[in-house]
Amino acid sequence: MTDARIDYVELPSATAHELTRAFYSKAFGWAFTNYGPTYSATTNGTTDLGLQGGPADGLSAPLPVIRVDDLERVFEAVTKAGGIVAKPIFAFPGGRRFHFIDPGGNELAVWSER
């Protein structure tokens, strides 16, 4: 599955979303696009950073996000390999994704533009 690569990391920022965004902008000069009041993301790198400020959607740990071309094929491969689906496929601004838990207990997401 050579088309799969981590291209995004989502950080929880529910307790200080605006302060977190301002910190990364000031410290590293990163520009963020806002996708509503609780989500911001960089869109200028090979691995971008998302800031999840929604308390209901945020995790307590960073969320690596893997980009793929065929979301359904990878969903099937993840479940056959023993991954536990944490969130089934859903649409979001920019594409679709799902979350899974690996055997070590880590949560990751997989996304596709289609």
Protein backbone atom coordinates (compact mmCIF):
# COMPACT_ATOMS: atom_id res chain seq x y z
CA MET A 1 0.00 0.00 0.00
CA THR A 2 2.51 2.58 -1.17
CA ASP A 3 0.06 5.47 -1.45
CA ALA A 4 -0.37 5.69 2.35
CA ARG A 5 1.63 8.29 4.28
CA ILE A 6 1.20 10.42 7.38
CA ASP A 7 0.60 13.92 6.08
CA TYR A 8 -1.23 15.46 9.01
CA VAL A 9 -1.08 15.54 12.80
CA GLU A 10 -4.02 16.80 14.81
CA LEU A 11 -3.40 18.26 18.27
CA PRO A 12 -6.08 18.74 20.91
CA SER A 13 -6.48 22.42 21.79
CA ALA A 14 -9.92 22.62 23.41
CA THR A 15 -8.76 24.40 26.54
CA ALA A 16 -6.79 27.12 24.72
CA HIS A 17 -7.53 26.95 20.98
CA GLU A 18 -6.79 30.60 20.16
CA LEU A 19 -3.69 30.67 22.38
CA THR A 20 -2.37 27.45 20.81
CA ARG A 21 -2.88 28.79 17.29
CA ALA A 22 -1.17 32.08 18.24
CA PHE A 23 1.75 30.19 19.82
CA TYR A 24 2.55 28.19 16.66
CA SER A 25 2.10 31.26 14.48
CA LYS A 26 4.48 33.30 16.61
CA ALA A 27 7.03 30.56 17.36
CA PHE A 28 7.33 29.10 13.86
CA GLY A 29 5.65 31.59 11.55
CA TRP A 30 2.98 29.06 10.54
CA ALA A 31 -0.16 30.35 8.87
CA PHE A 32 -3.46 28.73 9.80
CA THR A 33 -6.76 28.45 7.96
CA ASN A 34 -9.80 28.45 10.23
CA TYR A 35 -12.50 25.88 9.56
CA GLY A 36 -15.07 27.20 11.98
CA PRO A 37 -14.59 28.46 15.53
CA THR A 38 -12.94 25.31 16.91
CA TYR A 39 -10.68 24.01 14.13
CA SER A 40 -7.60 25.50 12.47
CA ALA A 41 -4.96 23.94 10.24
CA THR A 42 -1.75 24.73 8.43
CA THR A 43 -1.87 24.06 4.70
CA ASN A 44 1.66 24.84 3.62
CA GLY A 45 3.79 21.83 4.41
CA THR A 46 4.37 18.22 3.58
CA THR A 47 3.00 17.32 7.01
CA ASP A 48 0.39 19.80 8.17
CA LEU A 49 -0.87 20.49 11.68
CA GLY A 50 -4.51 20.62 12.73
CA LEU A 51 -5.68 22.15 16.00
CA GLN A 52 -8.87 20.51 17.28
CA GLY A 53 -10.59 22.92 19.64
CA GLY A 54 -13.95 21.15 19.80
CA PRO A 55 -14.22 19.54 23.26
CA ALA A 56 -16.44 16.75 21.95
CA ASP A 57 -14.11 15.91 19.05
CA GLY A 58 -10.68 16.34 20.59
CA LEU A 59 -8.59 13.48 21.91
CA SER A 60 -6.20 13.66 24.83
CA ALA A 61 -3.22 12.80 22.60
CA PRO A 62 -1.98 13.88 19.15
CA LEU A 63 -3.77 12.16 16.27
CA PRO A 64 -1.57 11.08 13.33
CA VAL A 65 -3.58 11.17 10.10
CA ILE A 66 -2.68 8.97 7.12
CA ARG A 67 -3.58 10.11 3.62
CA VAL A 68 -4.66 7.48 1.09
CA ASP A 69 -6.23 7.34 -2.36
CA ASP A 70 -8.84 4.62 -1.71
CA LEU A 71 -10.47 5.05 1.71
CA GLU A 72 -12.75 2.00 1.48
CA ARG A 73 -9.88 -0.31 0.49
CA VAL A 74 -7.78 0.90 3.42
CA PHE A 75 -10.74 0.67 5.82
CA GLU A 76 -11.10 -2.99 4.85
CA ALA A 77 -7.33 -3.60 5.15
CA VAL A 78 -7.19 -1.99 8.61
CA THR A 79 -10.09 -4.06 9.95
CA LYS A 80 -8.71 -7.29 8.43
CA ALA A 81 -5.33 -6.57 10.02
CA GLY A 82 -6.95 -6.29 13.46
CA GLY A 83 -7.50 -2.54 13.80
CA ILE A 84 -10.53 -1.55 15.84
CA VAL A 85 -12.69 1.12 14.25
CA ALA A 86 -13.10 4.06 16.65
CA LYS A 87 -15.09 6.23 14.20
CA PRO A 88 -16.53 4.81 10.98
CA ILE A 89 -16.08 6.67 7.68
CA PHE A 90 -17.51 10.19 7.84
CA ALA A 91 -17.36 13.32 5.71
CA PHE A 92 -15.64 16.54 6.79
CA PRO A 93 -14.72 19.75 4.93
CA GLY A 94 -12.06 18.55 2.50
CA GLY A 95 -12.83 14.85 2.28
CA ARG A 96 -13.74 11.76 4.28
CA ARG A 97 -11.98 9.83 7.03
CA PHE A 98 -12.21 7.17 9.71
CA HIS A 99 -10.39 6.55 12.99
CA PHE A 100 -8.97 3.27 14.25
CA ILE A 101 -7.12 1.89 17.26
CA ASP A 102 -3.98 -0.14 16.53
CA PRO A 103 -2.92 -3.17 18.63
CA GLY A 104 -0.77 -0.91 20.84
CA GLY A 105 -3.80 1.23 21.78
CA ASN A 106 -2.87 4.21 19.58
CA GLU A 107 -5.63 6.06 17.76
CA LEU A 108 -4.93 7.14 14.18
CA ALA A 109 -7.10 8.48 11.38
CA VAL A 110 -7.09 7.73 7.66
CA TRP A 111 -8.38 10.27 5.16
CA SER A 112 -8.97 10.74 1.45
CA GLU A 113 -10.13 13.67 -0.62
CA ARG A 114 -12.72 11.35 -2.24
